C-alpha atoms as a PDB file:
ATOM      1  CA  UNK A   1      61.589 109.006 127.704  1.00  0.00           C
ATOM      2  CA  UNK A   2      64.711 110.734 128.984  1.00  0.00           C
ATOM      3  CA  UNK A   3      67.847 110.918 126.847  1.00  0.00           C
ATOM      4  CA  UNK A   4      71.492 111.558 127.626  1.00  0.00           C
ATOM      5  CA  UNK A   5      74.906 110.802 126.149  1.00  0.00           C
ATOM      6  CA  UNK A   6      78.207 109.084 126.870  1.00  0.00           C
ATOM      7  CA  UNK A   7      81.014 111.594 127.218  1.00  0.00           C
ATOM      8  CA  UNK A   8      84.559 110.569 128.189  1.00  0.00           C
ATOM      9  CA  UNK A   9      83.231 107.079 129.067  1.00  0.00           C
ATOM     10  CA  UNK A  10      80.662 108.517 131.495  1.00  0.00           C
ATOM     11  CA  UNK A  11      76.886 108.222 131.112  1.00  0.00           C
ATOM     12  CA  UNK A  12      75.184 111.578 131.669  1.00  0.00           C
ATOM     13  CA  UNK A  13      71.544 112.652 131.819  1.00  0.00           C
ATOM     14  CA  UNK A  14      70.378 116.291 131.868  1.00  0.00           C
ATOM     15  CA  UNK A  15      68.114 117.278 134.758  1.00  0.00           C
ATOM     16  CA  UNK A  16      66.011 120.439 134.516  1.00  0.00           C
ATOM     17  CA  UNK A  17      65.782 122.542 137.689  1.00  0.00           C
ATOM     18  CA  UNK A  18      62.914 124.882 138.463  1.00  0.00           C
ATOM     19  CA  UNK A  19      63.808 127.625 140.961  1.00  0.00           C
ATOM     20  CA  UNK A  20      61.477 130.393 142.176  1.00  0.00           C
ATOM     21  CA  UNK A  21      61.543 133.566 140.040  1.00  0.00           C
ATOM     22  CA  UNK A  22      64.167 132.157 137.644  1.00  0.00           C
ATOM     23  CA  UNK A  23      64.024 130.489 134.245  1.00  0.00           C
ATOM     24  CA  UNK A  24      64.371 126.686 134.198  1.00  0.00           C
ATOM     25  CA  UNK A  25      67.912 125.446 133.573  1.00  0.00           C
ATOM     26  CA  UNK A  26      69.578 122.105 132.941  1.00  0.00           C
ATOM     27  CA  UNK A  27      72.514 120.415 134.692  1.00  0.00           C
ATOM     28  CA  UNK A  28      74.185 117.254 133.360  1.00  0.00           C
ATOM     29  CA  UNK A  29      74.400 114.487 135.980  1.00  0.00           C
ATOM     30  CA  UNK A  30      76.601 111.385 135.932  1.00  0.00           C
ATOM     31  CA  UNK A  31      74.599 108.183 136.391  1.00  0.00           C
ATOM     32  CA  UNK A  32      75.824 106.464 139.559  1.00  0.00           C
ATOM     33  CA  UNK A  33      74.190 103.077 140.154  1.00  0.00           C
ATOM     34  CA  UNK A  34      76.159 102.779 143.413  1.00  0.00           C
ATOM     35  CA  UNK A  35      74.324 105.798 144.887  1.00  0.00           C
ATOM     36  CA  UNK A  36      70.909 104.893 146.273  1.00  0.00           C
ATOM     37  CA  UNK A  37      69.653 108.483 146.657  1.00  0.00           C
ATOM     38  CA  UNK A  38      68.186 110.892 144.115  1.00  0.00           C
ATOM     39  CA  UNK A  39      70.803 113.556 143.289  1.00  0.00           C
ATOM     40  CA  UNK A  40      74.043 114.981 144.629  1.00  0.00           C
ATOM     41  CA  UNK A  41      75.393 118.420 143.864  1.00  0.00           C
ATOM     42  CA  UNK A  42      78.588 120.073 145.052  1.00  0.00           C
ATOM     43  CA  UNK A  43      77.900 122.230 148.140  1.00  0.00           C
ATOM     44  CA  UNK A  44      78.836 125.378 146.180  1.00  0.00           C
ATOM     45  CA  UNK A  45      76.102 124.629 143.602  1.00  0.00           C
ATOM     46  CA  UNK A  46      73.520 123.938 146.319  1.00  0.00           C
ATOM     47  CA  UNK A  47      74.387 127.271 147.969  1.00  0.00           C
ATOM     48  CA  UNK A  48      74.270 129.161 144.657  1.00  0.00           C
ATOM     49  CA  UNK A  49      70.829 127.675 143.926  1.00  0.00           C
ATOM     50  CA  UNK A  50      69.682 128.542 147.474  1.00  0.00           C
ATOM     51  CA  UNK A  51      68.001 125.136 147.885  1.00  0.00           C
ATOM     52  CA  UNK A  52      66.016 124.770 151.125  1.00  0.00           C
ATOM     53  CA  UNK A  53      67.538 122.504 153.783  1.00  0.00           C
ATOM     54  CA  UNK A  54      65.660 119.328 154.701  1.00  0.00           C
ATOM     55  CA  UNK A  55      68.098 117.759 157.189  1.00  0.00           C
ATOM     56  CA  UNK A  56      71.677 116.583 157.611  1.00  0.00           C
ATOM     57  CA  UNK A  57      73.039 113.062 157.553  1.00  0.00           C
ATOM     58  CA  UNK A  58      76.310 111.185 158.005  1.00  0.00           C
ATOM     59  CA  UNK A  59      77.574 109.774 154.722  1.00  0.00           C
ATOM     60  CA  UNK A  60      80.185 107.152 153.817  1.00  0.00           C
ATOM     61  CA  UNK A  61      82.497 108.265 151.030  1.00  0.00           C
ATOM     62  CA  UNK A  62      84.045 106.057 148.364  1.00  0.00           C
ATOM     63  CA  UNK A  63      87.422 106.185 150.125  1.00  0.00           C
ATOM     64  CA  UNK A  64      85.830 104.715 153.288  1.00  0.00           C
ATOM     65  CA  UNK A  65      85.856 107.942 155.264  1.00  0.00           C
ATOM     66  CA  UNK A  66      82.733 109.493 156.762  1.00  0.00           C
ATOM     67  CA  UNK A  67      81.421 113.052 156.624  1.00  0.00           C
ATOM     68  CA  UNK A  68      78.340 115.032 157.593  1.00  0.00           C
ATOM     69  CA  UNK A  69      76.323 116.353 154.657  1.00  0.00           C
ATOM     70  CA  UNK A  70      73.175 118.428 154.307  1.00  0.00           C
ATOM     71  CA  UNK A  71      70.128 117.268 152.393  1.00  0.00           C
ATOM     72  CA  UNK A  72      68.098 119.826 150.447  1.00  0.00           C
ATOM     73  CA  UNK A  73      64.817 119.988 148.530  1.00  0.00           C
ATOM     74  CA  UNK A  74      64.847 120.780 144.801  1.00  0.00           C
ATOM     75  CA  UNK A  75      62.099 121.039 142.217  1.00  0.00           C
ATOM     76  CA  UNK A  76      63.036 119.329 138.964  1.00  0.00           C
ATOM     77  CA  UNK A  77      61.311 118.407 135.721  1.00  0.00           C
ATOM     78  CA  UNK A  78      61.670 114.639 135.333  1.00  0.00           C
ATOM     79  CA  UNK A  79      60.206 113.001 132.234  1.00  0.00           C
ATOM     80  CA  UNK A  80      58.036 116.110 131.659  1.00  0.00           C
ATOM     81  CA  UNK A  81      56.652 116.002 135.233  1.00  0.00           C
ATOM     82  CA  UNK A  82      57.457 118.508 137.993  1.00  0.00           C
ATOM     83  CA  UNK A  83      58.862 116.614 140.967  1.00  0.00           C
ATOM     84  CA  UNK A  84      60.328 117.565 144.361  1.00  0.00           C
ATOM     85  CA  UNK A  85      63.422 115.479 145.176  1.00  0.00           C
ATOM     86  CA  UNK A  86      66.125 115.335 147.820  1.00  0.00           C
ATOM     87  CA  UNK A  87      69.587 116.622 146.890  1.00  0.00           C
ATOM     88  CA  UNK A  88      72.642 115.648 148.909  1.00  0.00           C
ATOM     89  CA  UNK A  89      75.222 118.452 149.125  1.00  0.00           C
ATOM     90  CA  UNK A  90      78.369 116.432 148.546  1.00  0.00           C
ATOM     91  CA  UNK A  91      81.285 115.828 146.215  1.00  0.00           C
ATOM     92  CA  UNK A  92      82.472 117.780 143.241  1.00  0.00           C
ATOM     93  CA  UNK A  93      80.378 116.285 140.409  1.00  0.00           C
ATOM     94  CA  UNK A  94      76.597 116.115 140.035  1.00  0.00           C
ATOM     95  CA  UNK A  95      75.475 112.487 140.490  1.00  0.00           C
ATOM     96  CA  UNK A  96      72.126 110.899 139.634  1.00  0.00           C
ATOM     97  CA  UNK A  97      71.244 107.940 141.845  1.00  0.00           C
ATOM     98  CA  UNK A  98      68.981 104.942 141.538  1.00  0.00           C
ATOM     99  CA  UNK A  99      66.125 106.446 143.606  1.00  0.00           C
ATOM    100  CA  UNK A 100      65.389 108.826 140.724  1.00  0.00           C
ATOM    101  CA  UNK A 101      65.582 106.000 138.169  1.00  0.00           C
ATOM    102  CA  UNK A 102      63.189 103.702 140.062  1.00  0.00           C
ATOM    103  CA  UNK A 103      60.457 102.504 137.705  1.00  0.00           C
ATOM    104  CA  UNK A 104      62.622 103.151 134.612  1.00  0.00           C
ATOM    105  CA  UNK A 105      64.583 100.951 132.226  1.00  0.00           C
ATOM    106  CA  UNK A 106      68.154 102.228 131.709  1.00  0.00           C
ATOM    107  CA  UNK A 107      69.887 101.551 128.394  1.00  0.00           C
ATOM    108  CA  UNK A 108      73.427 102.713 127.575  1.00  0.00           C
ATOM    109  CA  UNK A 109      75.382 102.454 124.322  1.00  0.00           C
ATOM    110  CA  UNK A 110      78.953 102.476 125.617  1.00  0.00           C
ATOM    111  CA  UNK A 111      80.762 104.394 122.880  1.00  0.00           C
ATOM    112  CA  UNK A 112      81.788 108.041 122.699  1.00  0.00           C
ATOM    113  CA  UNK A 113      78.625 110.134 122.226  1.00  0.00           C
ATOM    114  CA  UNK A 114      76.578 106.917 122.620  1.00  0.00           C
ATOM    115  CA  UNK A 115      72.919 107.183 123.536  1.00  0.00           C
ATOM    116  CA  UNK A 116      71.777 106.898 127.166  1.00  0.00           C
ATOM    117  CA  UNK A 117      68.041 106.427 127.628  1.00  0.00           C
ATOM    118  CA  UNK A 118      65.641 106.027 130.526  1.00  0.00           C
ATOM    119  CA  UNK A 119      62.224 104.682 129.637  1.00  0.00           C
ATOM    120  CA  UNK A 120      59.360 104.484 132.117  1.00  0.00           C
ATOM    121  CA  UNK A 121      58.509 100.843 132.783  1.00  0.00           C
ATOM    122  CA  UNK A 122      54.892 100.169 131.939  1.00  0.00           C
ATOM    123  CA  UNK A 123      52.839  97.058 132.593  1.00  0.00           C
ATOM    124  CA  UNK A 124      53.247  96.242 128.877  1.00  0.00           C
ATOM    125  CA  UNK A 125      57.040  95.980 129.406  1.00  0.00           C
ATOM    126  CA  UNK A 126      56.727  93.500 132.297  1.00  0.00           C
END
């Protein structure tokens, strides 16, 4: 089970990053059900973390404009499991997309400091 909180009407989940030769650290990500990828980080954060480049891709922004963005690899700890995911270098806030939540049940208590939880869907839940 993964837990987060509502802060300023935004649902956030901490994601733990594992970088070579550094201690693990956590970054709070806003849950964005309109983003079908895994994670986005501002380009400055991606550069500071020295994440390896996977490729680049054109992206459509919320205002309808288009831009070219790089995609990077990152190692994270997700639900106590080490996982390599794709991180889009874009925007100014860390976003967590639906690709990372696939196979999980999302529950949000929409009140200040309300609980946000992601629970792995098991066959017993179906």
